[in-house]
Amino acid sequence: MKRKNVISLFVKEKRKKLGLTQQELAKRAGVGLRFVRELEQGKSTLQLDKVNQVLFLFGHQLSPVKIEMRNDDE
């Protein structure tokens, strides 16, 4: 089973809160319906500029986030 990523869950949740269909979101963001579907399904290979087009509608953008590295020797 494929695990959904944070971005896909975020977009789906925001879209639903605004009462938008996937088709409406695609049109407003200027991307294709297929792209929105793949984004919400957590496809691992998506164009970052298009992801940002969608996130922009929600007042967000992609950015690097520092991850904490866990040392298993402790």
PDB file of N, CA and C in Angstrom:
ATOM      1  N   MET A   1       0.834  -1.188   0.000  1.00  0.00           N
ATOM      2  CA  MET A   1       0.000   0.000   0.000  1.00  0.00           C
ATOM      3  C   MET A   1       0.882   1.256   0.000  1.00  0.00           C
ATOM      4  N   LYS A   2       0.562   2.201  -0.849  1.00  0.00           N
ATOM      5  CA  LYS A   2       1.333   3.424  -0.971  1.00  0.00           C
ATOM      6  C   LYS A   2       0.941   4.406   0.131  1.00  0.00           C
ATOM      7  N   ARG A   3       1.927   4.933   0.838  1.00  0.00           N
ATOM      8  CA  ARG A   3       1.681   5.899   1.897  1.00  0.00           C
ATOM      9  C   ARG A   3       1.589   7.300   1.305  1.00  0.00           C
ATOM     10  N   LYS A   4       0.567   8.034   1.674  1.00  0.00           N
ATOM     11  CA  LYS A   4       0.399   9.391   1.153  1.00  0.00           C
ATOM     12  C   LYS A   4       1.394  10.324   1.825  1.00  0.00           C
ATOM     13  N   ASN A   5       1.846  11.307   1.071  1.00  0.00           N
ATOM     14  CA  ASN A   5       2.786  12.258   1.639  1.00  0.00           C
ATOM     15  C   ASN A   5       2.057  13.481   2.210  1.00  0.00           C
ATOM     16  N   VAL A   6       2.785  14.284   2.927  1.00  0.00           N
ATOM     17  CA  VAL A   6       2.211  15.437   3.613  1.00  0.00           C
ATOM     18  C   VAL A   6       1.577  16.417   2.629  1.00  0.00           C
ATOM     19  N   ILE A   7       2.214  16.634   1.496  1.00  0.00           N
ATOM     20  CA  ILE A   7       1.698  17.591   0.521  1.00  0.00           C
ATOM     21  C   ILE A   7       0.386  17.103  -0.067  1.00  0.00           C
ATOM     22  N   SER A   8       0.309  15.835  -0.413  1.00  0.00           N
ATOM     23  CA  SER A   8      -0.925  15.309  -1.006  1.00  0.00           C
ATOM     24  C   SER A   8      -2.085  15.424  -0.020  1.00  0.00           C
ATOM     25  N   LEU A   9      -1.836  15.112   1.233  1.00  0.00           N
ATOM     26  CA  LEU A   9      -2.886  15.231   2.250  1.00  0.00           C
ATOM     27  C   LEU A   9      -3.285  16.687   2.463  1.00  0.00           C
ATOM     28  N   PHE A  10      -2.308  17.587   2.471  1.00  0.00           N
ATOM     29  CA  PHE A  10      -2.568  19.009   2.651  1.00  0.00           C
ATOM     30  C   PHE A  10      -3.456  19.536   1.531  1.00  0.00           C
ATOM     31  N   VAL A  11      -3.102  19.247   0.296  1.00  0.00           N
ATOM     32  CA  VAL A  11      -3.855  19.754  -0.852  1.00  0.00           C
ATOM     33  C   VAL A  11      -5.282  19.216  -0.843  1.00  0.00           C
ATOM     34  N   LYS A  12      -5.426  17.935  -0.589  1.00  0.00           N
ATOM     35  CA  LYS A  12      -6.767  17.339  -0.588  1.00  0.00           C
ATOM     36  C   LYS A  12      -7.634  17.958   0.504  1.00  0.00           C
ATOM     37  N   GLU A  13      -7.057  18.139   1.695  1.00  0.00           N
ATOM     38  CA  GLU A  13      -7.798  18.721   2.816  1.00  0.00           C
ATOM     39  C   GLU A  13      -8.208  20.164   2.522  1.00  0.00           C
ATOM     40  N   LYS A  14      -7.277  20.961   2.009  1.00  0.00           N
ATOM     41  CA  LYS A  14      -7.578  22.361   1.699  1.00  0.00           C
ATOM     42  C   LYS A  14      -8.629  22.462   0.599  1.00  0.00           C
ATOM     43  N   ARG A  15      -8.502  21.625  -0.423  1.00  0.00           N
ATOM     44  CA  ARG A  15      -9.463  21.640  -1.532  1.00  0.00           C
ATOM     45  C   ARG A  15     -10.865  21.349  -1.022  1.00  0.00           C
ATOM     46  N   LYS A  16     -10.973  20.338  -0.186  1.00  0.00           N
ATOM     47  CA  LYS A  16     -12.280  19.958   0.347  1.00  0.00           C
ATOM     48  C   LYS A  16     -12.853  21.037   1.261  1.00  0.00           C
ATOM     49  N   LYS A  17     -12.002  21.675   2.071  1.00  0.00           N
ATOM     50  CA  LYS A  17     -12.472  22.753   2.951  1.00  0.00           C
ATOM     51  C   LYS A  17     -13.038  23.914   2.152  1.00  0.00           C
ATOM     52  N   LEU A  18     -12.472  24.154   0.969  1.00  0.00           N
ATOM     53  CA  LEU A  18     -12.959  25.229   0.107  1.00  0.00           C
ATOM     54  C   LEU A  18     -14.125  24.781  -0.763  1.00  0.00           C
ATOM     55  N   GLY A  19     -14.477  23.513  -0.688  1.00  0.00           N
ATOM     56  CA  GLY A  19     -15.595  22.993  -1.458  1.00  0.00           C
ATOM     57  C   GLY A  19     -15.322  22.902  -2.947  1.00  0.00           C
ATOM     58  N   LEU A  20     -14.047  22.709  -3.303  1.00  0.00           N
ATOM     59  CA  LEU A  20     -13.663  22.617  -4.704  1.00  0.00           C
ATOM     60  C   LEU A  20     -13.578  21.161  -5.149  1.00  0.00           C
ATOM     61  N   THR A  21     -13.965  20.915  -6.395  1.00  0.00           N
ATOM     62  CA  THR A  21     -13.715  19.603  -6.985  1.00  0.00           C
ATOM     63  C   THR A  21     -12.267  19.598  -7.476  1.00  0.00           C
ATOM     64  N   GLN A  22     -11.762  18.425  -7.806  1.00  0.00           N
ATOM     65  CA  GLN A  22     -10.420  18.353  -8.370  1.00  0.00           C
ATOM     66  C   GLN A  22     -10.350  19.144  -9.672  1.00  0.00           C
ATOM     67  N   GLN A  23     -11.407  19.080 -10.452  1.00  0.00           N
ATOM     68  CA  GLN A  23     -11.448  19.794 -11.727  1.00  0.00           C
ATOM     69  C   GLN A  23     -11.413  21.308 -11.507  1.00  0.00           C
ATOM     70  N   GLU A  24     -12.148  21.807 -10.530  1.00  0.00           N
ATOM     71  CA  GLU A  24     -12.151  23.235 -10.223  1.00  0.00           C
ATOM     72  C   GLU A  24     -10.777  23.698  -9.736  1.00  0.00           C
ATOM     73  N   LEU A  25     -10.150  22.888  -8.885  1.00  0.00           N
ATOM     74  CA  LEU A  25      -8.816  23.216  -8.394  1.00  0.00           C
ATOM     75  C   LEU A  25      -7.826  23.273  -9.551  1.00  0.00           C
ATOM     76  N   ALA A  26      -7.892  22.300 -10.428  1.00  0.00           N
ATOM     77  CA  ALA A  26      -6.987  22.262 -11.580  1.00  0.00           C
ATOM     78  C   ALA A  26      -7.136  23.525 -12.422  1.00  0.00           C
ATOM     79  N   LYS A  27      -8.363  23.916 -12.672  1.00  0.00           N
ATOM     80  CA  LYS A  27      -8.621  25.112 -13.496  1.00  0.00           C
ATOM     81  C   LYS A  27      -8.089  26.367 -12.816  1.00  0.00           C
ATOM     82  N   ARG A  28      -8.368  26.528 -11.542  1.00  0.00           N
ATOM     83  CA  ARG A  28      -7.915  27.726 -10.811  1.00  0.00           C
ATOM     84  C   ARG A  28      -6.396  27.801 -10.721  1.00  0.00           C
ATOM     85  N   ALA A  29      -5.757  26.634 -10.593  1.00  0.00           N
ATOM     86  CA  ALA A  29      -4.298  26.605 -10.448  1.00  0.00           C
ATOM     87  C   ALA A  29      -3.584  26.646 -11.799  1.00  0.00           C
ATOM     88  N   GLY A  30      -4.327  26.426 -12.877  1.00  0.00           N
ATOM     89  CA  GLY A  30      -3.705  26.417 -14.194  1.00  0.00           C
ATOM     90  C   GLY A  30      -2.931  25.151 -14.491  1.00  0.00           C
ATOM     91  N   VAL A  31      -3.383  24.048 -13.893  1.00  0.00           N
ATOM     92  CA  VAL A  31      -2.762  22.748 -14.142  1.00  0.00           C
ATOM     93  C   VAL A  31      -3.840  21.796 -14.637  1.00  0.00           C
ATOM     94  N   GLY A  32      -3.421  20.636 -15.104  1.00  0.00           N
ATOM     95  CA  GLY A  32      -4.379  19.667 -15.599  1.00  0.00           C
ATOM     96  C   GLY A  32      -5.039  18.870 -14.484  1.00  0.00           C
ATOM     97  N   LEU A  33      -6.202  18.331 -14.797  1.00  0.00           N
ATOM     98  CA  LEU A  33      -6.918  17.484 -13.838  1.00  0.00           C
ATOM     99  C   LEU A  33      -6.088  16.267 -13.458  1.00  0.00           C
ATOM    100  N   ARG A  34      -5.428  15.678 -14.426  1.00  0.00           N
ATOM    101  CA  ARG A  34      -4.578  14.515 -14.148  1.00  0.00           C
ATOM    102  C   ARG A  34      -3.493  14.860 -13.126  1.00  0.00           C
ATOM    103  N   PHE A  35      -2.916  16.056 -13.246  1.00  0.00           N
ATOM    104  CA  PHE A  35      -1.886  16.476 -12.302  1.00  0.00           C
ATOM    105  C   PHE A  35      -2.443  16.546 -10.887  1.00  0.00           C
ATOM    106  N   VAL A  36      -3.621  17.146 -10.731  1.00  0.00           N
ATOM    107  CA  VAL A  36      -4.231  17.260  -9.398  1.00  0.00           C
ATOM    108  C   VAL A  36      -4.502  15.872  -8.836  1.00  0.00           C
ATOM    109  N   ARG A  37      -5.008  14.980  -9.640  1.00  0.00           N
ATOM    110  CA  ARG A  37      -5.269  13.611  -9.177  1.00  0.00           C
ATOM    111  C   ARG A  37      -3.988  12.935  -8.718  1.00  0.00           C
ATOM    112  N   GLU A  38      -2.940  13.054  -9.520  1.00  0.00           N
ATOM    113  CA  GLU A  38      -1.658  12.432  -9.162  1.00  0.00           C
ATOM    114  C   GLU A  38      -1.064  13.073  -7.914  1.00  0.00           C
ATOM    115  N   LEU A  39      -1.219  14.377  -7.770  1.00  0.00           N
ATOM    116  CA  LEU A  39      -0.727  15.080  -6.582  1.00  0.00           C
ATOM    117  C   LEU A  39      -1.432  14.566  -5.336  1.00  0.00           C
ATOM    118  N   GLU A  40      -2.758  14.463  -5.394  1.00  0.00           N
ATOM    119  CA  GLU A  40      -3.519  14.002  -4.238  1.00  0.00           C
ATOM    120  C   GLU A  40      -3.296  12.521  -3.954  1.00  0.00           C
ATOM    121  N   GLN A  41      -2.876  11.771  -4.948  1.00  0.00           N
ATOM    122  CA  GLN A  41      -2.585  10.352  -4.745  1.00  0.00           C
ATOM    123  C   GLN A  41      -1.163  10.130  -4.232  1.00  0.00           C
ATOM    124  N   GLY A  42      -0.380  11.199  -4.148  1.00  0.00           N
ATOM    125  CA  GLY A  42       0.968  11.092  -3.598  1.00  0.00           C
ATOM    126  C   GLY A  42       2.006  10.606  -4.580  1.00  0.00           C
ATOM    127  N   LYS A  43       1.781  10.832  -5.868  1.00  0.00           N
ATOM    128  CA  LYS A  43       2.771  10.424  -6.865  1.00  0.00           C
ATOM    129  C   LYS A  43       4.114  11.037  -6.511  1.00  0.00           C
ATOM    130  N   SER A  44       5.167  10.252  -6.581  1.00  0.00           N
ATOM    131  CA  SER A  44       6.475  10.705  -6.113  1.00  0.00           C
ATOM    132  C   SER A  44       7.239  11.539  -7.135  1.00  0.00           C
ATOM    133  N   THR A  45       6.826  11.528  -8.387  1.00  0.00           N
ATOM    134  CA  THR A  45       7.527  12.300  -9.411  1.00  0.00           C
ATOM    135  C   THR A  45       6.585  13.329 -10.025  1.00  0.00           C
ATOM    136  N   LEU A  46       6.589  14.516  -9.463  1.00  0.00           N
ATOM    137  CA  LEU A  46       5.764  15.615  -9.952  1.00  0.00           C
ATOM    138  C   LEU A  46       6.643  16.836 -10.193  1.00  0.00           C
ATOM    139  N   GLN A  47       6.223  17.697 -11.101  1.00  0.00           N
ATOM    140  CA  GLN A  47       6.961  18.925 -11.377  1.00  0.00           C
ATOM    141  C   GLN A  47       6.741  19.903 -10.234  1.00  0.00           C
ATOM    142  N   LEU A  48       7.841  20.332  -9.628  1.00  0.00           N
ATOM    143  CA  LEU A  48       7.748  21.199  -8.457  1.00  0.00           C
ATOM    144  C   LEU A  48       7.092  22.535  -8.774  1.00  0.00           C
ATOM    145  N   ASP A  49       7.304  23.070  -9.966  1.00  0.00           N
ATOM    146  CA  ASP A  49       6.681  24.345 -10.298  1.00  0.00           C
ATOM    147  C   ASP A  49       5.164  24.209 -10.326  1.00  0.00           C
ATOM    148  N   LYS A  50       4.669  23.077 -10.791  1.00  0.00           N
ATOM    149  CA  LYS A  50       3.222  22.857 -10.814  1.00  0.00           C
ATOM    150  C   LYS A  50       2.680  22.633  -9.407  1.00  0.00           C
ATOM    151  N   VAL A  51       3.447  21.942  -8.570  1.00  0.00           N
ATOM    152  CA  VAL A  51       3.032  21.769  -7.176  1.00  0.00           C
ATOM    153  C   VAL A  51       2.900  23.144  -6.528  1.00  0.00           C
ATOM    154  N   ASN A  52       3.852  24.018  -6.783  1.00  0.00           N
ATOM    155  CA  ASN A  52       3.785  25.369  -6.217  1.00  0.00           C
ATOM    156  C   ASN A  52       2.612  26.163  -6.768  1.00  0.00           C
ATOM    157  N   GLN A  53       2.229  25.937  -8.016  1.00  0.00           N
ATOM    158  CA  GLN A  53       1.051  26.615  -8.575  1.00  0.00           C
ATOM    159  C   GLN A  53      -0.184  26.255  -7.758  1.00  0.00           C
ATOM    160  N   VAL A  54      -0.303  24.991  -7.388  1.00  0.00           N
ATOM    161  CA  VAL A  54      -1.450  24.542  -6.601  1.00  0.00           C
ATOM    162  C   VAL A  54      -1.355  25.083  -5.178  1.00  0.00           C
ATOM    163  N   LEU A  55      -0.196  24.956  -4.552  1.00  0.00           N
ATOM    164  CA  LEU A  55      -0.033  25.426  -3.178  1.00  0.00           C
ATOM    165  C   LEU A  55      -0.246  26.933  -3.054  1.00  0.00           C
ATOM    166  N   PHE A  56       0.094  27.681  -4.099  1.00  0.00           N
ATOM    167  CA  PHE A  56      -0.073  29.131  -4.097  1.00  0.00           C
ATOM    168  C   PHE A  56      -1.526  29.531  -3.832  1.00  0.00           C
ATOM    169  N   LEU A  57      -2.461  28.752  -4.340  1.00  0.00           N
ATOM    170  CA  LEU A  57      -3.881  29.048  -4.120  1.00  0.00           C
ATOM    171  C   LEU A  57      -4.249  29.003  -2.638  1.00  0.00           C
ATOM    172  N   PHE A  58      -3.477  28.255  -1.859  1.00  0.00           N
ATOM    173  CA  PHE A  58      -3.740  28.125  -0.426  1.00  0.00           C
ATOM    174  C   PHE A  58      -2.787  28.988   0.402  1.00  0.00           C
ATOM    175  N   GLY A  59      -2.031  29.867  -0.281  1.00  0.00           N
ATOM    176  CA  GLY A  59      -1.107  30.748   0.428  1.00  0.00           C
ATOM    177  C   GLY A  59       0.135  30.042   0.934  1.00  0.00           C
ATOM    178  N   HIS A  60       0.566  28.993   0.238  1.00  0.00           N
ATOM    179  CA  HIS A  60       1.739  28.224   0.644  1.00  0.00           C
ATOM    180  C   HIS A  60       2.667  27.997  -0.547  1.00  0.00           C
ATOM    181  N   GLN A  61       3.882  27.517  -0.244  1.00  0.00           N
ATOM    182  CA  GLN A  61       4.824  27.116  -1.270  1.00  0.00           C
ATOM    183  C   GLN A  61       5.737  26.034  -0.705  1.00  0.00           C
ATOM    184  N   LEU A  62       6.371  25.304  -1.589  1.00  0.00           N
ATOM    185  CA  LEU A  62       7.340  24.303  -1.152  1.00  0.00           C
ATOM    186  C   LEU A  62       8.582  25.005  -0.638  1.00  0.00           C
ATOM    187  N   SER A  63       9.190  24.448   0.381  1.00  0.00           N
ATOM    188  CA  SER A  63      10.441  24.990   0.874  1.00  0.00           C
ATOM    189  C   SER A  63      11.200  23.881   1.604  1.00  0.00           C
ATOM    190  N   PRO A  64      12.512  24.006   1.668  1.00  0.00           N
ATOM    191  CA  PRO A  64      13.287  22.991   2.371  1.00  0.00           C
ATOM    192  C   PRO A  64      13.011  23.048   3.874  1.00  0.00           C
ATOM    193  N   VAL A  65      12.895  21.884   4.458  1.00  0.00           N
ATOM    194  CA  VAL A  65      12.656  21.764   5.889  1.00  0.00           C
ATOM    195  C   VAL A  65      13.736  20.861   6.465  1.00  0.00           C
ATOM    196  N   LYS A  66      14.391  21.327   7.490  1.00  0.00           N
ATOM    197  CA  LYS A  66      15.449  20.535   8.125  1.00  0.00           C
ATOM    198  C   LYS A  66      14.836  19.321   8.803  1.00  0.00           C
ATOM    199  N   ILE A  67      15.440  18.183   8.586  1.00  0.00           N
ATOM    200  CA  ILE A  67      14.992  16.965   9.257  1.00  0.00           C
ATOM    201  C   ILE A  67      15.982  16.610  10.353  1.00  0.00           C
ATOM    202  N   GLU A  68      15.457  16.087  11.399  1.00  0.00           N
ATOM    203  CA  GLU A  68      16.301  15.659  12.510  1.00  0.00           C
ATOM    204  C   GLU A  68      16.797  14.257  12.222  1.00  0.00           C
ATOM    205  N   MET A  69      18.092  14.096  12.283  1.00  0.00           N
ATOM    206  CA  MET A  69      18.683  12.767  12.046  1.00  0.00           C
ATOM    207  C   MET A  69      18.758  12.048  13.388  1.00  0.00           C
ATOM    208  N   ARG A  70      18.259  10.831  13.396  1.00  0.00           N
ATOM    209  CA  ARG A  70      18.261  10.044  14.626  1.00  0.00           C
ATOM    210  C   ARG A  70      19.478   9.147  14.645  1.00  0.00           C
ATOM    211  N   ASN A  71      20.162   9.129  15.759  1.00  0.00           N
ATOM    212  CA  ASN A  71      21.324   8.276  15.931  1.00  0.00           C
ATOM    213  C   ASN A  71      20.884   7.021  16.679  1.00  0.00           C
ATOM    214  N   ASP A  72      20.882   5.893  15.999  1.00  0.00           N
ATOM    215  CA  ASP A  72      20.412   4.643  16.599  1.00  0.00           C
ATOM    216  C   ASP A  72      21.413   4.049  17.584  1.00  0.00           C
ATOM    217  N   ASP A  73      22.604   4.643  17.696  1.00  0.00           N
ATOM    218  CA  ASP A  73      23.625   4.117  18.611  1.00  0.00           C
ATOM    219  C   ASP A  73      23.360   4.510  20.053  1.00  0.00           C
ATOM    220  N   GLU A  74      22.457   5.440  20.275  1.00  0.00           N
ATOM    221  CA  GLU A  74      22.215   5.926  21.636  1.00  0.00           C
ATOM    222  C   GLU A  74      21.315   5.005  22.394  1.00  0.00           C
TER     223      GLU A  74
END
